[in-house]
Amino acid sequence: MSLKLTLELASGQSLKGAPLELLADGVPIARAIVDEHAKAIFNVAPGCGSLTIRVDRSILQTHG
């Protein structure tokens, strides 16, 4: 099964290349990288649980 996401930041920064993790009940079950169209696809087995996406924000640049 594929879980497809489109990601947008309110700041307008691009997430291209950002590493993502999909967590089921707090446990990492899949990884994906955001593409140039702000999309990411996780390939996972069907199941039940609470899903969360974790973004490695250390790749984002801050201005100031």
Protein backbone atom coordinates (compact mmCIF):
# COMPACT_ATOMS: atom_id res chain seq x y z
CA MET A 1 0.00 0.00 0.00
CA SER A 2 1.24 3.53 -0.75
CA LEU A 3 0.56 6.57 1.40
CA LYS A 4 1.00 9.76 -0.68
CA LEU A 5 1.45 13.22 0.84
CA THR A 6 1.83 16.77 -0.41
CA LEU A 7 3.64 19.03 2.06
CA GLU A 8 3.55 22.82 2.34
CA LEU A 9 5.15 25.12 4.90
CA ALA A 10 3.41 28.34 5.93
CA SER A 11 6.78 30.10 5.58
CA GLY A 12 6.96 29.16 1.91
CA GLN A 13 10.26 27.28 2.34
CA SER A 14 10.76 24.23 0.17
CA LEU A 15 10.90 20.80 1.77
CA LYS A 16 12.59 19.29 -1.31
CA GLY A 17 15.01 16.61 -0.17
CA ALA A 18 13.67 16.53 3.39
CA PRO A 19 13.86 13.11 5.02
CA LEU A 20 10.55 11.97 6.52
CA GLU A 21 9.59 9.09 8.77
CA LEU A 22 6.15 7.54 9.08
CA LEU A 23 5.41 6.37 12.62
CA ALA A 24 2.68 3.94 13.67
CA ASP A 25 1.88 4.31 17.37
CA GLY A 26 5.23 6.10 17.80
CA VAL A 27 7.34 3.43 16.05
CA PRO A 28 9.04 4.23 12.69
CA ILE A 29 7.63 1.99 9.95
CA ALA A 30 8.69 3.74 6.71
CA ARG A 31 10.89 6.51 5.30
CA ALA A 32 10.51 8.85 2.33
CA ILE A 33 12.18 11.91 0.79
CA VAL A 34 10.20 14.96 -0.36
CA ASP A 35 10.51 15.46 -4.13
CA GLU A 36 10.67 18.68 -6.16
CA HIS A 37 6.84 18.83 -6.29
CA ALA A 38 6.54 18.74 -2.45
CA LYS A 39 5.30 15.13 -2.59
CA ALA A 40 6.40 12.08 -0.63
CA ILE A 41 5.30 8.44 -0.93
CA PHE A 42 5.55 5.88 1.85
CA ASN A 43 5.27 2.19 0.96
CA VAL A 44 3.70 0.41 3.93
CA ALA A 45 1.75 -2.71 4.80
CA PRO A 46 -1.93 -2.15 5.65
CA GLY A 47 -2.61 -2.00 9.37
CA CYS A 48 -4.23 -0.16 12.24
CA GLY A 49 -2.79 2.46 14.55
CA SER A 50 -2.18 6.14 15.03
CA LEU A 51 0.01 7.53 12.22
CA THR A 52 2.42 10.44 12.56
CA ILE A 53 4.87 12.03 10.12
CA ARG A 54 8.21 13.19 11.51
CA VAL A 55 10.29 15.74 9.54
CA ASP A 56 14.00 16.22 10.13
CA ARG A 57 13.82 20.01 10.49
CA SER A 58 17.59 20.36 10.81
CA ILE A 59 17.79 20.67 7.01
CA LEU A 60 15.66 23.82 7.00
CA GLN A 61 17.57 27.08 6.89
CA THR A 62 16.63 29.88 9.24
CA HIS A 63 16.94 33.53 8.28
CA GLY A 64 17.65 36.17 10.83
